[in-house]
């Protein structure tokens, strides 16, 4: 017979409310994970440095022992990051073997500071591998800079003129060079990058379609849905529902 967890759940929710505990919003965790998946090494490093001093605030209690609690959170993060990196193109065996290595190292940590050091190392390691993967078939300096800028500013409405100014090229020359080296236009590349990010947000968060559209720089929710349907052949709702059915084995 399965254990009825309702009594424990209601008690824990009551204690958390009395203690004023506020769990870290998933959106915040997810933004950090997406920095890793897109290979944004420096921003991922900066974000972790900012969060480090209050890193454990908003984290659930997975063990009564603080050190073991930290290790459990590390393992949970590895699981999510690994899944996102595999979906981003990192090799399955490479991803999960790397995760095994880090989990074994975490198991030997003797202080919370060691765990935090390992968190930072792990984040930078995965992000660096994803950046290298993303640049595998992109050769010129200007196009590498352009792609980096795109992934770092997916939340904005990017334009060719803005990218041209950043790379120091004329809009027309940048467009031709980008098409030659990537096989796609800048506009199409940007939209596909946004759609791939959207898919993960639909899979792993309960953010509304409006919140997702705003976070990725779409002009409106209807524009977001239209673009998603064009590239995926279904609406965001249909995609999210299909992911939930797959998770349930439906």
C-alpha atoms as a PDB file:
ATOM      1  CA  UNK A   1       0.000   0.000   0.000  1.00  0.00           C
ATOM      2  CA  UNK A   2       1.387   3.454  -0.868  1.00  0.00           C
ATOM      3  CA  UNK A   3       2.163   5.716   2.043  1.00  0.00           C
ATOM      4  CA  UNK A   4      -0.352   8.531   2.425  1.00  0.00           C
ATOM      5  CA  UNK A   5       1.738  11.694   2.411  1.00  0.00           C
ATOM      6  CA  UNK A   6      -1.100  14.193   2.825  1.00  0.00           C
ATOM      7  CA  UNK A   7      -0.648  14.559   6.588  1.00  0.00           C
ATOM      8  CA  UNK A   8       3.108  15.112   6.269  1.00  0.00           C
ATOM      9  CA  UNK A   9       2.577  17.463   3.334  1.00  0.00           C
ATOM     10  CA  UNK A  10       0.026  19.594   5.168  1.00  0.00           C
ATOM     11  CA  UNK A  11       2.265  19.719   8.239  1.00  0.00           C
ATOM     12  CA  UNK A  12       5.327  20.779   6.253  1.00  0.00           C
ATOM     13  CA  UNK A  13       3.344  23.470   4.418  1.00  0.00           C
ATOM     14  CA  UNK A  14       2.044  24.744   7.773  1.00  0.00           C
ATOM     15  CA  UNK A  15       5.545  24.847   9.314  1.00  0.00           C
ATOM     16  CA  UNK A  16       6.930  26.641   6.251  1.00  0.00           C
ATOM     17  CA  UNK A  17       4.180  29.237   6.481  1.00  0.00           C
ATOM     18  CA  UNK A  18       4.767  29.801  10.195  1.00  0.00           C
ATOM     19  CA  UNK A  19       8.533  30.056   9.651  1.00  0.00           C
ATOM     20  CA  UNK A  20       8.071  32.505   6.779  1.00  0.00           C
ATOM     21  CA  UNK A  21       9.834  30.137   4.373  1.00  0.00           C
ATOM     22  CA  UNK A  22       9.621  31.175   0.720  1.00  0.00           C
ATOM     23  CA  UNK A  23      10.810  28.641  -1.820  1.00  0.00           C
ATOM     24  CA  UNK A  24      13.079  29.898  -4.605  1.00  0.00           C
ATOM     25  CA  UNK A  25      10.874  30.537  -7.673  1.00  0.00           C
ATOM     26  CA  UNK A  26      11.375  27.981 -10.415  1.00  0.00           C
ATOM     27  CA  UNK A  27      11.826  30.813 -12.921  1.00  0.00           C
ATOM     28  CA  UNK A  28      15.010  31.891 -11.136  1.00  0.00           C
ATOM     29  CA  UNK A  29      16.484  28.376 -11.134  1.00  0.00           C
ATOM     30  CA  UNK A  30      15.445  27.832 -14.735  1.00  0.00           C
ATOM     31  CA  UNK A  31      17.144  31.004 -15.959  1.00  0.00           C
ATOM     32  CA  UNK A  32      20.419  29.752 -14.480  1.00  0.00           C
ATOM     33  CA  UNK A  33      19.951  26.341 -16.090  1.00  0.00           C
ATOM     34  CA  UNK A  34      19.293  27.942 -19.483  1.00  0.00           C
ATOM     35  CA  UNK A  35      22.499  29.975 -19.228  1.00  0.00           C
ATOM     36  CA  UNK A  36      24.316  26.660 -18.893  1.00  0.00           C
ATOM     37  CA  UNK A  37      22.418  25.006 -21.747  1.00  0.00           C
ATOM     38  CA  UNK A  38      23.134  27.887 -24.117  1.00  0.00           C
ATOM     39  CA  UNK A  39      26.816  27.959 -23.179  1.00  0.00           C
ATOM     40  CA  UNK A  40      26.761  31.416 -21.618  1.00  0.00           C
ATOM     41  CA  UNK A  41      29.760  30.712 -19.395  1.00  0.00           C
ATOM     42  CA  UNK A  42      30.541  34.168 -18.046  1.00  0.00           C
ATOM     43  CA  UNK A  43      26.944  35.062 -17.214  1.00  0.00           C
ATOM     44  CA  UNK A  44      26.398  31.685 -15.547  1.00  0.00           C
ATOM     45  CA  UNK A  45      29.549  32.285 -13.482  1.00  0.00           C
ATOM     46  CA  UNK A  46      28.456  35.821 -12.535  1.00  0.00           C
ATOM     47  CA  UNK A  47      24.959  34.692 -11.579  1.00  0.00           C
ATOM     48  CA  UNK A  48      26.318  31.992  -9.310  1.00  0.00           C
ATOM     49  CA  UNK A  49      28.747  34.427  -7.680  1.00  0.00           C
ATOM     50  CA  UNK A  50      25.843  36.761  -6.907  1.00  0.00           C
ATOM     51  CA  UNK A  51      23.708  33.957  -5.486  1.00  0.00           C
ATOM     52  CA  UNK A  52      26.445  32.194  -3.552  1.00  0.00           C
ATOM     53  CA  UNK A  53      26.231  34.116  -0.278  1.00  0.00           C
ATOM     54  CA  UNK A  54      22.485  33.368   0.004  1.00  0.00           C
ATOM     55  CA  UNK A  55      22.507  30.179  -2.054  1.00  0.00           C
ATOM     56  CA  UNK A  56      20.674  27.978   0.444  1.00  0.00           C
ATOM     57  CA  UNK A  57      17.843  30.432   1.070  1.00  0.00           C
ATOM     58  CA  UNK A  58      14.625  29.169  -0.484  1.00  0.00           C
ATOM     59  CA  UNK A  59      15.968  25.631  -0.843  1.00  0.00           C
ATOM     60  CA  UNK A  60      13.788  22.822   0.508  1.00  0.00           C
ATOM     61  CA  UNK A  61      14.869  20.638   3.392  1.00  0.00           C
ATOM     62  CA  UNK A  62      15.809  17.259   1.901  1.00  0.00           C
ATOM     63  CA  UNK A  63      17.668  16.038   4.994  1.00  0.00           C
ATOM     64  CA  UNK A  64      17.955  16.997   8.643  1.00  0.00           C
ATOM     65  CA  UNK A  65      21.727  16.983   8.201  1.00  0.00           C
ATOM     66  CA  UNK A  66      22.808  20.281   6.533  1.00  0.00           C
ATOM     67  CA  UNK A  67      25.730  18.729   4.647  1.00  0.00           C
ATOM     68  CA  UNK A  68      23.642  15.872   3.290  1.00  0.00           C
ATOM     69  CA  UNK A  69      20.916  18.358   2.413  1.00  0.00           C
ATOM     70  CA  UNK A  70      23.438  20.304   0.322  1.00  0.00           C
ATOM     71  CA  UNK A  71      24.611  17.156  -1.436  1.00  0.00           C
ATOM     72  CA  UNK A  72      21.035  16.171  -2.285  1.00  0.00           C
ATOM     73  CA  UNK A  73      20.411  19.600  -3.835  1.00  0.00           C
ATOM     74  CA  UNK A  74      23.618  19.227  -5.839  1.00  0.00           C
ATOM     75  CA  UNK A  75      22.453  15.855  -7.192  1.00  0.00           C
ATOM     76  CA  UNK A  76      19.056  17.329  -8.103  1.00  0.00           C
ATOM     77  CA  UNK A  77      20.712  20.173 -10.018  1.00  0.00           C
ATOM     78  CA  UNK A  78      22.972  17.703 -11.883  1.00  0.00           C
ATOM     79  CA  UNK A  79      19.905  15.739 -13.006  1.00  0.00           C
ATOM     80  CA  UNK A  80      18.147  18.789 -14.464  1.00  0.00           C
ATOM     81  CA  UNK A  81      21.264  20.274 -16.051  1.00  0.00           C
ATOM     82  CA  UNK A  82      22.203  16.936 -17.580  1.00  0.00           C
ATOM     83  CA  UNK A  83      18.783  16.521 -19.173  1.00  0.00           C
ATOM     84  CA  UNK A  84      18.878  20.025 -20.639  1.00  0.00           C
ATOM     85  CA  UNK A  85      22.393  19.562 -22.006  1.00  0.00           C
ATOM     86  CA  UNK A  86      21.505  16.254 -23.683  1.00  0.00           C
ATOM     87  CA  UNK A  87      18.523  17.936 -25.316  1.00  0.00           C
ATOM     88  CA  UNK A  88      20.900  20.714 -26.392  1.00  0.00           C
ATOM     89  CA  UNK A  89      23.095  18.231 -28.245  1.00  0.00           C
ATOM     90  CA  UNK A  90      25.727  17.181 -25.704  1.00  0.00           C
ATOM     91  CA  UNK A  91      26.481  13.464 -25.945  1.00  0.00           C
ATOM     92  CA  UNK A  92      24.376  11.231 -23.696  1.00  0.00           C
ATOM     93  CA  UNK A  93      27.309   9.199 -22.339  1.00  0.00           C
ATOM     94  CA  UNK A  94      29.500  12.280 -21.911  1.00  0.00           C
ATOM     95  CA  UNK A  95      26.762  14.162 -20.055  1.00  0.00           C
ATOM     96  CA  UNK A  96      25.769  11.466 -17.603  1.00  0.00           C
ATOM     97  CA  UNK A  97      29.275  10.142 -16.994  1.00  0.00           C
ATOM     98  CA  UNK A  98      30.322  13.695 -16.176  1.00  0.00           C
ATOM     99  CA  UNK A  99      27.376  13.861 -13.797  1.00  0.00           C
ATOM    100  CA  UNK A 100      28.495  10.623 -12.126  1.00  0.00           C
ATOM    101  CA  UNK A 101      31.965  12.101 -11.597  1.00  0.00           C
ATOM    102  CA  UNK A 102      30.588  15.237  -9.951  1.00  0.00           C
ATOM    103  CA  UNK A 103      28.140  13.307  -7.756  1.00  0.00           C
ATOM    104  CA  UNK A 104      30.952  11.066  -6.499  1.00  0.00           C
ATOM    105  CA  UNK A 105      32.998  14.176  -5.716  1.00  0.00           C
ATOM    106  CA  UNK A 106      30.032  15.728  -3.910  1.00  0.00           C
ATOM    107  CA  UNK A 107      29.703  12.583  -1.820  1.00  0.00           C
ATOM    108  CA  UNK A 108      33.193  13.247  -0.469  1.00  0.00           C
ATOM    109  CA  UNK A 109      32.568  16.897   0.477  1.00  0.00           C
ATOM    110  CA  UNK A 110      32.949  17.664   4.169  1.00  0.00           C
ATOM    111  CA  UNK A 111      31.650  21.236   4.300  1.00  0.00           C
ATOM    112  CA  UNK A 112      29.029  23.473   2.716  1.00  0.00           C
ATOM    113  CA  UNK A 113      31.791  25.625   1.230  1.00  0.00           C
ATOM    114  CA  UNK A 114      33.185  22.607  -0.593  1.00  0.00           C
ATOM    115  CA  UNK A 115      29.757  21.895  -2.055  1.00  0.00           C
ATOM    116  CA  UNK A 116      29.408  25.492  -3.226  1.00  0.00           C
ATOM    117  CA  UNK A 117      32.869  25.358  -4.809  1.00  0.00           C
ATOM    118  CA  UNK A 118      31.839  22.182  -6.588  1.00  0.00           C
ATOM    119  CA  UNK A 119      28.566  23.795  -7.715  1.00  0.00           C
ATOM    120  CA  UNK A 120      30.510  26.589  -9.386  1.00  0.00           C
ATOM    121  CA  UNK A 121      32.980  24.208 -11.023  1.00  0.00           C
ATOM    122  CA  UNK A 122      30.156  21.999 -12.318  1.00  0.00           C
ATOM    123  CA  UNK A 123      28.161  24.934 -13.730  1.00  0.00           C
ATOM    124  CA  UNK A 124      31.173  26.353 -15.571  1.00  0.00           C
ATOM    125  CA  UNK A 125      32.180  22.891 -16.852  1.00  0.00           C
ATOM    126  CA  UNK A 126      28.781  22.104 -18.400  1.00  0.00           C
ATOM    127  CA  UNK A 127      28.372  25.635 -19.779  1.00  0.00           C
ATOM    128  CA  UNK A 128      31.840  25.510 -21.361  1.00  0.00           C
ATOM    129  CA  UNK A 129      31.058  22.196 -23.044  1.00  0.00           C
ATOM    130  CA  UNK A 130      27.770  23.567 -24.382  1.00  0.00           C
ATOM    131  CA  UNK A 131      29.512  26.687 -25.724  1.00  0.00           C
ATOM    132  CA  UNK A 132      32.082  24.562 -27.532  1.00  0.00           C
ATOM    133  CA  UNK A 133      29.327  22.404 -28.981  1.00  0.00           C
ATOM    134  CA  UNK A 134      27.385  25.416 -30.205  1.00  0.00           C
ATOM    135  CA  UNK A 135      30.426  26.810 -31.996  1.00  0.00           C
ATOM    136  CA  UNK A 136      31.515  23.527 -33.565  1.00  0.00           C
ATOM    137  CA  UNK A 137      30.586  24.472 -37.116  1.00  0.00           C
ATOM    138  CA  UNK A 138      31.000  28.231 -36.842  1.00  0.00           C
ATOM    139  CA  UNK A 139      34.426  29.437 -37.788  1.00  0.00           C
ATOM    140  CA  UNK A 140      34.814  33.187 -38.107  1.00  0.00           C
ATOM    141  CA  UNK A 141      35.393  35.517 -35.194  1.00  0.00           C
ATOM    142  CA  UNK A 142      32.513  37.844 -36.125  1.00  0.00           C
ATOM    143  CA  UNK A 143      29.952  35.066 -36.397  1.00  0.00           C
ATOM    144  CA  UNK A 144      31.045  33.542 -33.089  1.00  0.00           C
ATOM    145  CA  UNK A 145      30.543  36.942 -31.444  1.00  0.00           C
ATOM    146  CA  UNK A 146      27.170  37.303 -33.145  1.00  0.00           C
ATOM    147  CA  UNK A 147      25.935  33.892 -31.969  1.00  0.00           C
ATOM    148  CA  UNK A 148      27.154  34.560 -28.421  1.00  0.00           C
ATOM    149  CA  UNK A 149      25.279  37.862 -28.393  1.00  0.00           C
ATOM    150  CA  UNK A 150      22.095  36.219 -29.659  1.00  0.00           C
ATOM    151  CA  UNK A 151      22.074  33.592 -26.909  1.00  0.00           C
ATOM    152  CA  UNK A 152      22.898  36.162 -24.243  1.00  0.00           C
ATOM    153  CA  UNK A 153      20.025  38.422 -25.348  1.00  0.00           C
ATOM    154  CA  UNK A 154      17.239  35.989 -26.217  1.00  0.00           C
ATOM    155  CA  UNK A 155      14.960  37.926 -23.867  1.00  0.00           C
ATOM    156  CA  UNK A 156      15.191  40.956 -26.153  1.00  0.00           C
ATOM    157  CA  UNK A 157      13.810  41.805 -29.586  1.00  0.00           C
ATOM    158  CA  UNK A 158      17.028  41.441 -31.581  1.00  0.00           C
ATOM    159  CA  UNK A 159      17.608  43.209 -34.887  1.00  0.00           C
ATOM    160  CA  UNK A 160      20.215  42.812 -37.630  1.00  0.00           C
ATOM    161  CA  UNK A 161      21.262  46.453 -37.125  1.00  0.00           C
ATOM    162  CA  UNK A 162      21.908  45.842 -33.431  1.00  0.00           C
ATOM    163  CA  UNK A 163      23.978  42.724 -34.169  1.00  0.00           C
ATOM    164  CA  UNK A 164      25.873  44.525 -36.925  1.00  0.00           C
ATOM    165  CA  UNK A 165      26.775  47.366 -34.578  1.00  0.00           C
ATOM    166  CA  UNK A 166      27.962  44.870 -31.954  1.00  0.00           C
ATOM    167  CA  UNK A 167      30.149  42.936 -34.398  1.00  0.00           C
ATOM    168  CA  UNK A 168      31.438  46.023 -36.190  1.00  0.00           C
ATOM    169  CA  UNK A 169      30.161  44.929 -39.605  1.00  0.00           C
ATOM    170  CA  UNK A 170      27.601  46.466 -41.935  1.00  0.00           C
ATOM    171  CA  UNK A 171      24.116  44.892 -41.712  1.00  0.00           C
ATOM    172  CA  UNK A 172      24.250  43.622 -45.292  1.00  0.00           C
ATOM    173  CA  UNK A 173      27.708  42.053 -44.949  1.00  0.00           C
ATOM    174  CA  UNK A 174      26.871  40.457 -41.595  1.00  0.00           C
ATOM    175  CA  UNK A 175      23.677  38.981 -43.074  1.00  0.00           C
ATOM    176  CA  UNK A 176      25.540  37.452 -46.014  1.00  0.00           C
ATOM    177  CA  UNK A 177      28.367  36.115 -43.822  1.00  0.00           C
ATOM    178  CA  UNK A 178      25.951  34.660 -41.283  1.00  0.00           C
ATOM    179  CA  UNK A 179      23.954  32.883 -43.988  1.00  0.00           C
ATOM    180  CA  UNK A 180      27.135  31.522 -45.570  1.00  0.00           C
ATOM    181  CA  UNK A 181      28.548  30.092 -42.334  1.00  0.00           C
ATOM    182  CA  UNK A 182      25.404  28.902 -40.546  1.00  0.00           C
ATOM    183  CA  UNK A 183      23.196  28.037 -43.509  1.00  0.00           C
ATOM    184  CA  UNK A 184      20.336  30.149 -42.183  1.00  0.00           C
ATOM    185  CA  UNK A 185      19.350  33.792 -41.893  1.00  0.00           C
ATOM    186  CA  UNK A 186      19.869  35.766 -38.699  1.00  0.00           C
ATOM    187  CA  UNK A 187      16.130  36.135 -38.198  1.00  0.00           C
ATOM    188  CA  UNK A 188      15.524  32.410 -38.573  1.00  0.00           C
ATOM    189  CA  UNK A 189      18.455  31.562 -36.281  1.00  0.00           C
ATOM    190  CA  UNK A 190      17.143  33.884 -33.570  1.00  0.00           C
ATOM    191  CA  UNK A 191      13.620  32.500 -33.793  1.00  0.00           C
ATOM    192  CA  UNK A 192      14.810  28.894 -33.695  1.00  0.00           C
ATOM    193  CA  UNK A 193      16.949  29.657 -30.640  1.00  0.00           C
ATOM    194  CA  UNK A 194      13.939  31.217 -28.927  1.00  0.00           C
ATOM    195  CA  UNK A 195      11.751  28.241 -29.846  1.00  0.00           C
ATOM    196  CA  UNK A 196      14.245  25.728 -28.443  1.00  0.00           C
ATOM    197  CA  UNK A 197      14.361  27.716 -25.218  1.00  0.00           C
ATOM    198  CA  UNK A 198      10.570  27.872 -25.207  1.00  0.00           C
ATOM    199  CA  UNK A 199      10.317  24.086 -25.459  1.00  0.00           C
ATOM    200  CA  UNK A 200      12.367  23.655 -22.304  1.00  0.00           C
ATOM    201  CA  UNK A 201      10.356  26.289 -20.466  1.00  0.00           C
ATOM    202  CA  UNK A 202       7.170  24.462 -21.447  1.00  0.00           C
ATOM    203  CA  UNK A 203       8.652  21.125 -20.327  1.00  0.00           C
ATOM    204  CA  UNK A 204      10.177  22.152 -17.040  1.00  0.00           C
ATOM    205  CA  UNK A 205       8.203  25.116 -15.748  1.00  0.00           C
ATOM    206  CA  UNK A 206       4.604  26.098 -15.141  1.00  0.00           C
ATOM    207  CA  UNK A 207       5.131  29.601 -16.512  1.00  0.00           C
ATOM    208  CA  UNK A 208       2.135  30.936 -18.400  1.00  0.00           C
ATOM    209  CA  UNK A 209       2.311  31.444 -22.159  1.00  0.00           C
ATOM    210  CA  UNK A 210       2.254  35.197 -21.606  1.00  0.00           C
ATOM    211  CA  UNK A 211       5.180  35.013 -19.164  1.00  0.00           C
ATOM    212  CA  UNK A 212       7.185  32.912 -21.621  1.00  0.00           C
ATOM    213  CA  UNK A 213       6.419  35.226 -24.531  1.00  0.00           C
ATOM    214  CA  UNK A 214       7.486  38.294 -22.543  1.00  0.00           C
ATOM    215  CA  UNK A 215      10.635  36.629 -21.204  1.00  0.00           C
ATOM    216  CA  UNK A 216      11.766  35.856 -24.763  1.00  0.00           C
ATOM    217  CA  UNK A 217      11.077  39.266 -26.241  1.00  0.00           C
ATOM    218  CA  UNK A 218       8.000  38.489 -28.354  1.00  0.00           C
ATOM    219  CA  UNK A 219       5.816  41.487 -29.105  1.00  0.00           C
ATOM    220  CA  UNK A 220       2.676  39.738 -27.849  1.00  0.00           C
ATOM    221  CA  UNK A 221       1.357  36.371 -26.721  1.00  0.00           C
ATOM    222  CA  UNK A 222      -0.419  35.906 -30.055  1.00  0.00           C
ATOM    223  CA  UNK A 223       2.824  36.572 -31.965  1.00  0.00           C
ATOM    224  CA  UNK A 224       4.604  34.033 -29.759  1.00  0.00           C
ATOM    225  CA  UNK A 225       1.946  31.376 -30.370  1.00  0.00           C
ATOM    226  CA  UNK A 226       1.989  32.054 -34.127  1.00  0.00           C
ATOM    227  CA  UNK A 227       5.789  31.654 -34.347  1.00  0.00           C
ATOM    228  CA  UNK A 228       5.749  28.531 -32.197  1.00  0.00           C
ATOM    229  CA  UNK A 229       3.062  26.949 -34.381  1.00  0.00           C
ATOM    230  CA  UNK A 230       5.033  27.808 -37.521  1.00  0.00           C
ATOM    231  CA  UNK A 231       8.208  26.076 -36.293  1.00  0.00           C
ATOM    232  CA  UNK A 232       6.702  23.211 -34.300  1.00  0.00           C
ATOM    233  CA  UNK A 233       3.444  22.449 -36.087  1.00  0.00           C
ATOM    234  CA  UNK A 234       1.422  22.836 -32.882  1.00  0.00           C
ATOM    235  CA  UNK A 235       0.534  25.437 -30.283  1.00  0.00           C
ATOM    236  CA  UNK A 236       2.527  25.846 -27.046  1.00  0.00           C
ATOM    237  CA  UNK A 237      -0.418  24.331 -25.144  1.00  0.00           C
ATOM    238  CA  UNK A 238      -0.493  21.279 -27.384  1.00  0.00           C
ATOM    239  CA  UNK A 239       3.277  20.868 -26.936  1.00  0.00           C
ATOM    240  CA  UNK A 240       3.067  21.151 -23.140  1.00  0.00           C
ATOM    241  CA  UNK A 241       0.160  18.720 -23.008  1.00  0.00           C
ATOM    242  CA  UNK A 242       2.075  16.195 -25.138  1.00  0.00           C
ATOM    243  CA  UNK A 243       5.090  16.455 -22.818  1.00  0.00           C
ATOM    244  CA  UNK A 244       2.904  15.823 -19.793  1.00  0.00           C
ATOM    245  CA  UNK A 245       1.335  12.785 -21.491  1.00  0.00           C
ATOM    246  CA  UNK A 246       4.792  11.395 -22.289  1.00  0.00           C
ATOM    247  CA  UNK A 247       5.860  11.886 -18.675  1.00  0.00           C
ATOM    248  CA  UNK A 248       2.832   9.887 -17.545  1.00  0.00           C
ATOM    249  CA  UNK A 249       3.511   7.189 -20.108  1.00  0.00           C
ATOM    250  CA  UNK A 250       0.434   8.120 -22.058  1.00  0.00           C
END
